[in-house]
Amino acid sequence: MYDLAILWDWLAFAVRWLHVVTAVAWIGSSFYFIALDLSLNRDIDGPADGEEWQVHGGGFYHIQKYLVAPKAMPEHLTWFKWESYSTWLSGFAMLAVVYWAGAELFLIDPSKADLAIWQAIFISAASLAVGWLIYDYLCKSPLGNTPTVLMVLLFVLLVAMSWGYNQVFTGRAALLHLGAFTATIMTANVFFIIMPNQRIVVADLKAGRTPDPKYGKIAKLRSTHNNYLTLPVIFLMLSNHYPLAFGTQYAWIIAALVFLMGVTIRHYFNSMHARKGKPSWTWAVTVILFLIIAWLSTQRGYDSYEEAEARELTAYEQRFASAEGYDEVHDIVIGRCSMCHAREPVWGNMQHAPKGVFLETTGDITKHARQIYLQAGVSQAMPPANITHIENEDRAKLIAWYRAGS
């Protein structure tokens, strides 16, 4: 019978798969409609605001856009909303499965904030809700009439949250939460603002009333924000696979610069789709920002070996350190894994520990007990191609030790 760790890891994989699929659908439709809206031919006769002829899949499509709606509402109207909702719901599920259920491993960093599990989860969930409330208040304030100033304040809010998360959570969790924070704003824009405003317009048209143009203006503002936030969110969601992004004391600055890169990249494509030229300077700025990020990633953001060795073990770590078979496991890990998973790797030309995982001290090994169990115990994912020749008997010892500690 499978044990909980294996089932939970497969659940995390399934939720992540769902999240990626729904995100592809949401981002794809979002980018498509942005490009479509900007590239419409508006030099046409008739009530439509613009039109576009497109070819795809062997067929031709004639698309027209109305600022409000045609005189007669169509029987069938497609609403693009579930892509956004399902992306956020699956992302929230992944946050709970990976970071809340695995809070001791992936969320809490005792060297930053020695939180109880419930405290860490509360901060995680509450920050998403509070962030939306602050953002929504700014948009509904008089600042909503000055989009540029509002965008700058939104950037300031994101930088503040990036710094705040980095003071509380692990580097990996900090960037992931900043992505979830931003994605919550984006989906809430759809759920609380864009869709309700569109429903009001449709209801007015059906009742024969002239819709107030303010609803379209409000929805357009929120949609613009979503446009510029999309690429940074993707980066932040991928960041947990790349320790160079989160394993540095400047991870919060890296995240802030990524938001600027999102603006420069989207500005180029928005200008191109709108037939306003191709501002090549945006790529120069993007490259400069990327080089700064690459440099910041080399600045150490973790404890030295001596500091890690002297650190007091957490309750979770103590449980596995005292579990039957730990002494043998310690020797196996040090002999077969630590040459790569070290603060200063000695294997080949390796410069950084894979995934930012260190396996040198008792604290290191016990902190990553579940990962050792899954990666080198029940599976042979580690070491790659079994390059350090872990015997099956040793893998059995890793399994027995984890189960004893669990």
Protein backbone atom coordinates (compact mmCIF):
# COMPACT_ATOMS: atom_id res chain seq x y z
CA MET A 1 0.00 0.00 0.00
CA TYR A 2 1.31 3.44 -0.86
CA ASP A 3 2.17 5.64 2.07
CA LEU A 4 1.03 9.24 2.51
CA ALA A 5 4.26 10.85 1.28
CA ILE A 6 4.03 9.12 -2.09
CA LEU A 7 0.33 9.83 -2.51
CA TRP A 8 0.85 13.45 -1.52
CA ASP A 9 3.68 13.87 -4.02
CA TRP A 10 1.49 12.50 -6.81
CA LEU A 11 -1.31 14.82 -5.70
CA ALA A 12 1.10 17.76 -5.91
CA PHE A 13 2.13 16.63 -9.40
CA ALA A 14 -1.51 16.34 -10.53
CA VAL A 15 -2.43 19.77 -9.17
CA ARG A 16 0.66 21.33 -10.76
CA TRP A 17 -0.25 19.72 -14.09
CA LEU A 18 -3.77 21.13 -13.85
CA HIS A 19 -2.39 24.54 -12.93
CA VAL A 20 -0.08 24.62 -15.94
CA VAL A 21 -2.86 23.55 -18.33
CA THR A 22 -5.32 26.17 -17.07
CA ALA A 23 -2.63 28.85 -17.02
CA VAL A 24 -1.80 28.11 -20.67
CA ALA A 25 -5.48 28.56 -21.52
CA TRP A 26 -5.79 31.83 -19.57
CA ILE A 27 -2.55 33.41 -20.73
CA GLY A 28 -3.11 32.27 -24.30
CA SER A 29 -6.58 33.81 -24.53
CA SER A 30 -5.38 36.96 -22.74
CA PHE A 31 -2.45 37.51 -25.10
CA TYR A 32 -4.64 36.74 -28.10
CA PHE A 33 -7.30 39.32 -27.23
CA ILE A 34 -4.72 41.97 -26.35
CA ALA A 35 -3.03 41.49 -29.73
CA LEU A 36 -6.41 41.39 -31.47
CA ASP A 37 -7.68 44.58 -29.84
CA LEU A 38 -4.51 46.50 -30.62
CA SER A 39 -4.29 45.34 -34.24
CA LEU A 40 -7.92 46.00 -35.29
CA ASN A 41 -8.47 47.95 -38.48
CA ARG A 42 -10.59 50.90 -37.34
CA ASP A 43 -10.83 52.60 -40.72
CA ILE A 44 -14.15 50.96 -41.57
CA ASP A 45 -17.77 51.99 -42.12
CA GLY A 46 -20.61 50.89 -39.90
CA PRO A 47 -21.30 50.67 -36.18
CA ALA A 48 -18.36 48.40 -35.38
CA ASP A 49 -15.31 50.00 -33.72
CA GLY A 50 -12.92 47.82 -35.71
CA GLU A 51 -12.47 44.57 -37.56
CA GLU A 52 -9.83 42.00 -38.37
CA TRP A 53 -9.51 39.20 -40.90
CA GLN A 54 -7.52 36.21 -39.70
CA VAL A 55 -6.60 32.82 -41.09
CA HIS A 56 -6.04 29.73 -38.96
CA GLY A 57 -6.45 25.99 -39.31
CA GLY A 58 -7.48 26.18 -42.95
CA GLY A 59 -10.29 28.67 -42.37
CA PHE A 60 -10.83 32.44 -42.49
CA TYR A 61 -12.25 34.41 -39.57
CA HIS A 62 -13.91 37.82 -39.81
CA ILE A 63 -13.87 39.45 -36.36
CA GLN A 64 -15.61 42.71 -35.45
CA LYS A 65 -15.42 44.66 -32.21
CA TYR A 66 -18.19 46.85 -30.81
CA LEU A 67 -17.42 49.37 -28.09
CA VAL A 68 -20.66 48.49 -26.34
CA ALA A 69 -22.60 45.89 -28.34
CA PRO A 70 -24.47 45.47 -31.61
CA LYS A 71 -28.07 46.69 -31.80
CA ALA A 72 -29.39 43.18 -31.26
CA MET A 73 -27.75 41.02 -28.64
CA PRO A 74 -26.72 37.62 -30.05
CA GLU A 75 -28.37 34.48 -28.72
CA HIS A 76 -25.01 32.94 -27.83
CA LEU A 77 -22.37 35.01 -26.06
CA THR A 78 -19.06 33.44 -25.00
CA TRP A 79 -17.65 34.72 -21.71
CA PHE A 80 -13.93 34.28 -21.11
CA LYS A 81 -13.71 33.79 -17.37
CA TRP A 82 -13.21 30.14 -16.43
CA GLU A 83 -9.63 30.15 -17.71
CA SER A 84 -8.81 32.74 -15.06
CA TYR A 85 -10.85 31.17 -12.27
CA SER A 86 -9.53 27.65 -12.80
CA THR A 87 -5.94 28.91 -12.94
CA TRP A 88 -6.29 30.65 -9.59
CA LEU A 89 -8.17 27.77 -7.94
CA SER A 90 -5.61 25.20 -9.08
CA GLY A 91 -2.78 27.51 -8.03
CA PHE A 92 -4.34 27.96 -4.60
CA ALA A 93 -4.69 24.18 -4.30
CA MET A 94 -1.00 23.78 -5.19
CA LEU A 95 -0.07 26.40 -2.59
CA ALA A 96 -1.97 24.41 0.04
CA VAL A 97 -0.65 20.99 -1.02
CA VAL A 98 3.00 21.97 -1.36
CA TYR A 99 3.59 24.92 0.97
CA TRP A 100 0.95 24.59 3.66
CA ALA A 101 1.07 20.81 4.05
CA GLY A 102 4.86 21.00 3.72
CA ALA A 103 5.28 24.15 5.79
CA GLU A 104 8.16 22.76 7.84
CA LEU A 105 10.07 21.96 4.66
CA PHE A 106 9.23 24.69 2.18
CA LEU A 107 7.51 27.59 3.93
CA ILE A 108 9.10 28.27 7.32
CA ASP A 109 12.66 29.50 7.67
CA PRO A 110 13.47 29.55 11.43
CA SER A 111 16.49 31.78 10.80
CA LYS A 112 14.14 34.49 9.54
CA ALA A 113 10.98 33.96 11.60
CA ASP A 114 10.48 31.05 13.98
CA LEU A 115 6.78 30.62 13.22
CA ALA A 116 4.36 27.92 14.21
CA ILE A 117 2.82 26.15 11.23
CA TRP A 118 -0.58 27.76 11.76
CA GLN A 119 1.03 31.22 11.96
CA ALA A 120 2.89 30.71 8.69
CA ILE A 121 -0.25 29.48 6.94
CA PHE A 122 -2.27 32.40 8.32
CA ILE A 123 0.28 34.93 7.05
CA SER A 124 0.34 33.16 3.68
CA ALA A 125 -3.45 33.24 3.22
CA ALA A 126 -4.10 36.64 4.79
CA SER A 127 -1.46 38.38 2.68
CA LEU A 128 -3.25 37.37 -0.52
CA ALA A 129 -6.55 38.84 0.67
CA VAL A 130 -5.02 42.01 2.15
CA GLY A 131 -3.03 42.62 -1.02
CA TRP A 132 -6.17 42.60 -3.14
CA LEU A 133 -7.96 44.98 -0.76
CA ILE A 134 -5.10 47.50 -0.88
CA TYR A 135 -4.82 47.29 -4.66
CA ASP A 136 -8.59 47.58 -5.16
CA TYR A 137 -8.73 50.62 -2.87
CA LEU A 138 -5.99 52.34 -4.90
CA CYS A 139 -7.80 51.65 -8.17
CA LYS A 140 -11.12 53.01 -6.85
CA SER A 141 -9.50 56.11 -5.42
CA PRO A 142 -8.95 59.29 -7.49
CA LEU A 143 -5.65 57.67 -8.56
CA GLY A 144 -7.71 55.59 -10.97
CA ASN A 145 -7.89 58.70 -13.17
CA THR A 146 -4.10 58.83 -13.44
CA PRO A 147 -3.13 55.38 -14.77
CA THR A 148 0.61 56.04 -14.87
CA VAL A 149 0.78 57.12 -11.22
CA LEU A 150 -1.40 54.16 -10.28
CA MET A 151 0.92 51.77 -12.11
CA VAL A 152 3.92 53.17 -10.24
CA LEU A 153 2.15 52.71 -6.91
CA LEU A 154 1.25 49.15 -7.88
CA PHE A 155 4.95 48.52 -8.53
CA VAL A 156 5.82 49.99 -5.12
CA LEU A 157 3.24 47.69 -3.50
CA LEU A 158 4.75 44.65 -5.24
CA VAL A 159 8.28 45.60 -4.19
CA ALA A 160 7.13 46.05 -0.58
CA MET A 161 5.45 42.65 -0.62
CA SER A 162 8.55 41.08 -2.18
CA TRP A 163 10.68 42.43 0.66
CA GLY A 164 8.11 41.46 3.28
CA TYR A 165 7.77 37.87 2.10
CA ASN A 166 11.56 37.55 2.04
CA GLN A 167 11.72 38.58 5.72
CA VAL A 168 9.33 35.83 6.79
CA PHE A 169 9.45 32.81 4.48
CA THR A 170 12.12 30.74 2.77
CA GLY A 171 13.50 32.30 -0.41
CA ARG A 172 11.66 29.74 -2.50
CA ALA A 173 8.35 30.40 -0.74
CA ALA A 174 8.86 34.18 -0.84
CA LEU A 175 9.00 34.34 -4.63
CA LEU A 176 6.20 31.80 -5.02
CA HIS A 177 3.98 33.83 -2.69
CA LEU A 178 4.74 37.02 -4.57
CA GLY A 179 3.53 35.24 -7.70
CA ALA A 180 0.39 34.06 -5.90
CA PHE A 181 -0.14 37.59 -4.54
CA THR A 182 0.02 39.03 -8.07
CA ALA A 183 -2.10 36.27 -9.58
CA THR A 184 -4.75 36.89 -6.91
CA ILE A 185 -4.95 40.53 -7.99
CA MET A 186 -5.29 39.47 -11.62
CA THR A 187 -8.04 36.91 -11.05
CA ALA A 188 -9.87 39.15 -8.59
CA ASN A 189 -9.86 41.83 -11.29
CA VAL A 190 -11.71 39.41 -13.54
CA PHE A 191 -14.10 38.11 -10.88
CA PHE A 192 -14.93 41.30 -8.95
CA ILE A 193 -14.53 44.03 -11.59
CA ILE A 194 -14.35 43.02 -15.24
CA MET A 195 -17.10 40.38 -15.31
CA PRO A 196 -19.64 42.31 -13.14
CA ASN A 197 -19.15 45.41 -15.27
CA GLN A 198 -19.74 43.43 -18.43
CA ARG A 199 -22.89 41.93 -16.95
CA ILE A 200 -24.19 45.42 -16.17
CA VAL A 201 -23.59 46.49 -19.77
CA VAL A 202 -25.34 43.39 -21.15
CA ALA A 203 -28.30 43.88 -18.79
CA ASP A 204 -28.67 47.52 -19.85
CA LEU A 205 -28.64 46.57 -23.51
CA LYS A 206 -31.26 43.88 -23.04
CA ALA A 207 -33.45 46.38 -21.18
CA GLY A 208 -33.05 48.98 -23.94
CA ARG A 209 -30.95 51.33 -21.81
CA THR A 210 -27.75 53.04 -22.92
CA PRO A 211 -24.87 51.62 -20.86
CA ASP A 212 -22.70 53.99 -18.87
CA PRO A 213 -19.27 54.11 -20.58
CA LYS A 214 -17.56 54.21 -17.17
CA TYR A 215 -17.91 50.45 -16.83
CA GLY A 216 -15.84 49.84 -19.93
CA LYS A 217 -13.23 52.34 -18.75
CA ILE A 218 -12.89 50.63 -15.36
CA ALA A 219 -12.61 47.18 -16.93
CA LYS A 220 -10.01 48.46 -19.40
CA LEU A 221 -7.81 49.77 -16.55
CA ARG A 222 -7.83 46.43 -14.72
CA SER A 223 -7.25 44.53 -17.96
CA THR A 224 -4.21 46.69 -18.70
CA HIS A 225 -2.75 45.84 -15.30
CA ASN A 226 -3.29 42.14 -15.95
CA ASN A 227 -1.52 42.51 -19.29
CA TYR A 228 1.67 43.84 -17.72
CA LEU A 229 1.63 41.47 -14.73
CA THR A 230 1.37 38.22 -16.69
CA LEU A 231 5.02 37.61 -17.58
CA PRO A 232 6.40 38.32 -14.07
CA VAL A 233 3.86 35.90 -12.61
CA ILE A 234 5.10 33.15 -14.93
CA PHE A 235 8.70 33.85 -13.86
CA LEU A 236 7.78 33.70 -10.18
CA MET A 237 5.87 30.45 -10.62
CA LEU A 238 8.92 28.88 -12.29
CA SER A 239 11.42 30.36 -9.83
CA ASN A 240 11.13 27.54 -7.28
CA HIS A 241 12.98 25.29 -9.76
CA TYR A 242 15.95 27.65 -9.98
CA PRO A 243 17.85 28.34 -6.72
CA LEU A 244 19.82 31.11 -8.44
CA ALA A 245 16.56 33.08 -8.40
CA PHE A 246 15.57 32.48 -4.78
CA GLY A 247 18.75 31.36 -3.00
CA THR A 248 20.20 34.82 -2.48
CA GLN A 249 19.68 37.62 0.03
CA TYR A 250 18.68 39.82 -2.90
CA ALA A 251 15.86 37.59 -4.13
CA TRP A 252 13.33 40.32 -3.39
CA ILE A 253 15.23 42.77 -5.60
CA ILE A 254 15.43 40.16 -8.36
CA ALA A 255 11.64 39.82 -8.20
CA ALA A 256 11.22 43.59 -8.38
CA LEU A 257 13.41 43.82 -11.48
CA VAL A 258 11.46 41.00 -13.11
CA PHE A 259 8.32 43.15 -12.90
CA LEU A 260 10.17 45.89 -14.78
CA MET A 261 11.22 43.34 -17.40
CA GLY A 262 7.56 42.36 -17.76
CA VAL A 263 6.72 45.98 -18.55
CA THR A 264 9.47 46.43 -21.14
CA ILE A 265 8.67 43.17 -22.94
CA ARG A 266 4.92 43.77 -23.03
CA HIS A 267 5.44 47.38 -24.15
CA TYR A 268 7.35 46.15 -27.19
CA PHE A 269 4.64 43.68 -28.22
CA ASN A 270 1.78 46.06 -27.42
CA SER A 271 3.38 48.73 -29.61
CA MET A 272 4.01 46.24 -32.41
CA HIS A 273 0.44 44.91 -32.36
CA ALA A 274 -0.92 48.45 -32.33
CA ARG A 275 1.20 49.23 -35.42
CA LYS A 276 3.02 51.98 -33.52
CA GLY A 277 6.45 50.70 -34.40
CA LYS A 278 8.87 48.33 -32.74
CA PRO A 279 10.60 50.12 -29.83
CA SER A 280 13.85 48.14 -29.87
CA TRP A 281 15.14 50.09 -26.87
CA THR A 282 12.91 47.92 -24.71
CA TRP A 283 15.06 44.88 -25.49
CA ALA A 284 18.22 46.73 -24.52
CA VAL A 285 16.65 47.65 -21.19
CA THR A 286 15.44 44.07 -20.72
CA VAL A 287 18.93 42.66 -21.32
CA ILE A 288 20.47 45.14 -18.86
CA LEU A 289 17.91 44.21 -16.20
CA PHE A 290 18.54 40.52 -16.84
CA LEU A 291 22.31 40.95 -16.43
CA ILE A 292 21.75 42.77 -13.14
CA ILE A 293 19.53 39.90 -11.99
CA ALA A 294 22.19 37.35 -12.97
CA TRP A 295 24.80 39.26 -10.94
CA LEU A 296 22.54 39.58 -7.90
CA SER A 297 21.90 35.83 -8.01
CA THR A 298 25.57 35.13 -7.25
CA GLN A 299 25.46 36.93 -3.91
CA ARG A 300 25.26 34.36 -1.10
CA GLY A 301 21.92 34.15 0.66
CA TYR A 302 22.37 31.12 2.88
CA ASP A 303 24.18 30.14 6.08
CA SER A 304 27.80 29.03 5.90
CA TYR A 305 28.66 25.45 6.82
CA GLU A 306 29.76 26.56 10.29
CA GLU A 307 26.54 28.51 10.85
CA ALA A 308 24.43 25.59 9.61
CA GLU A 309 26.32 23.17 11.85
CA ALA A 310 25.76 25.37 14.90
CA ARG A 311 22.06 25.95 14.23
CA GLU A 312 19.62 24.37 16.67
CA LEU A 313 17.47 21.66 15.09
CA THR A 314 13.74 22.22 14.69
CA ALA A 315 11.26 19.76 16.16
CA TYR A 316 10.80 18.22 12.70
CA GLU A 317 14.53 17.79 12.24
CA GLN A 318 15.02 16.38 15.73
CA ARG A 319 12.44 13.69 15.00
CA PHE A 320 14.44 12.38 12.05
CA ALA A 321 17.82 12.89 13.71
CA SER A 322 16.71 10.55 16.51
CA ALA A 323 14.95 8.07 14.21
CA GLU A 324 16.33 4.55 13.98
CA GLY A 325 18.93 4.21 11.25
CA TYR A 326 19.98 7.87 11.08
CA ASP A 327 23.68 7.20 11.62
CA GLU A 328 23.81 4.91 8.59
CA VAL A 329 21.75 7.35 6.54
CA HIS A 330 24.12 10.15 7.49
CA ASP A 331 27.07 8.19 6.14
CA ILE A 332 25.20 7.30 2.92
CA VAL A 333 24.19 10.89 2.23
CA ILE A 334 27.62 12.32 3.04
CA GLY A 335 29.32 9.69 0.89
CA ARG A 336 26.92 9.69 -2.06
CA CYS A 337 25.16 13.05 -2.16
CA SER A 338 27.08 15.82 -0.41
CA MET A 339 29.77 16.22 -3.06
CA CYS A 340 27.10 17.96 -5.18
CA HIS A 341 24.68 19.12 -2.50
CA ALA A 342 27.23 21.29 -0.73
CA ARG A 343 27.70 24.98 -0.14
CA GLU A 344 30.88 24.60 -2.16
CA PRO A 345 30.33 21.59 -4.46
CA VAL A 346 33.38 19.50 -5.28
CA TRP A 347 31.87 17.45 -8.12
CA GLY A 348 33.30 18.37 -11.50
CA ASN A 349 32.76 22.01 -12.41
CA MET A 350 29.52 22.35 -10.45
CA GLN A 351 29.17 25.82 -8.96
CA HIS A 352 25.89 25.57 -7.07
CA ALA A 353 24.05 22.82 -5.24
CA PRO A 354 21.19 21.41 -7.39
CA LYS A 355 17.87 23.08 -6.51
CA GLY A 356 19.68 24.91 -3.69
CA VAL A 357 19.48 21.77 -1.53
CA PHE A 358 22.37 21.27 0.91
CA LEU A 359 23.08 17.87 2.48
CA GLU A 360 26.15 18.43 4.63
CA THR A 361 25.00 18.78 8.24
CA THR A 362 22.53 16.92 10.41
CA GLY A 363 20.17 19.87 10.07
CA ASP A 364 20.49 19.77 6.28
CA ILE A 365 19.84 16.04 6.01
CA THR A 366 16.91 15.90 8.42
CA LYS A 367 15.31 19.02 6.96
CA HIS A 368 15.17 17.31 3.57
CA ALA A 369 14.17 13.89 4.89
CA ARG A 370 11.08 13.62 2.71
CA GLN A 371 12.92 14.68 -0.41
CA ILE A 372 15.68 12.16 0.27
CA TYR A 373 13.03 9.49 0.77
CA LEU A 374 11.24 10.30 -2.49
CA GLN A 375 14.24 11.14 -4.68
CA ALA A 376 16.78 8.55 -3.52
CA GLY A 377 14.69 6.02 -1.63
CA VAL A 378 11.46 4.95 -3.31
CA SER A 379 12.70 6.29 -6.67
CA GLN A 380 16.12 6.42 -8.28
CA ALA A 381 15.87 10.01 -9.45
CA MET A 382 18.91 10.89 -7.36
CA PRO A 383 21.74 10.81 -7.97
CA PRO A 384 21.26 11.25 -11.74
CA ALA A 385 22.05 8.00 -13.55
CA ASN A 386 23.12 6.71 -10.11
CA ILE A 387 26.47 8.31 -10.83
CA THR A 388 27.69 7.83 -7.25
CA HIS A 389 26.52 4.21 -7.17
CA ILE A 390 23.99 4.06 -4.35
CA GLU A 391 23.26 0.39 -3.77
CA ASN A 392 19.72 -0.93 -3.43
CA GLU A 393 20.52 -1.89 0.16
CA ASP A 394 21.37 1.73 0.91
CA ARG A 395 18.14 2.95 -0.70
CA ALA A 396 16.26 0.50 1.51
CA LYS A 397 17.96 2.05 4.54
CA LEU A 398 16.83 5.54 3.43
CA ILE A 399 13.26 4.26 3.15
CA ALA A 400 13.33 2.54 6.55
CA TRP A 401 14.78 5.63 8.23
CA TYR A 402 12.16 8.00 6.82
CA ARG A 403 9.31 5.71 7.76
CA ALA A 404 10.75 5.31 11.26
CA GLY A 405 10.90 9.09 11.64
CA SER A 406 7.40 9.53 10.25
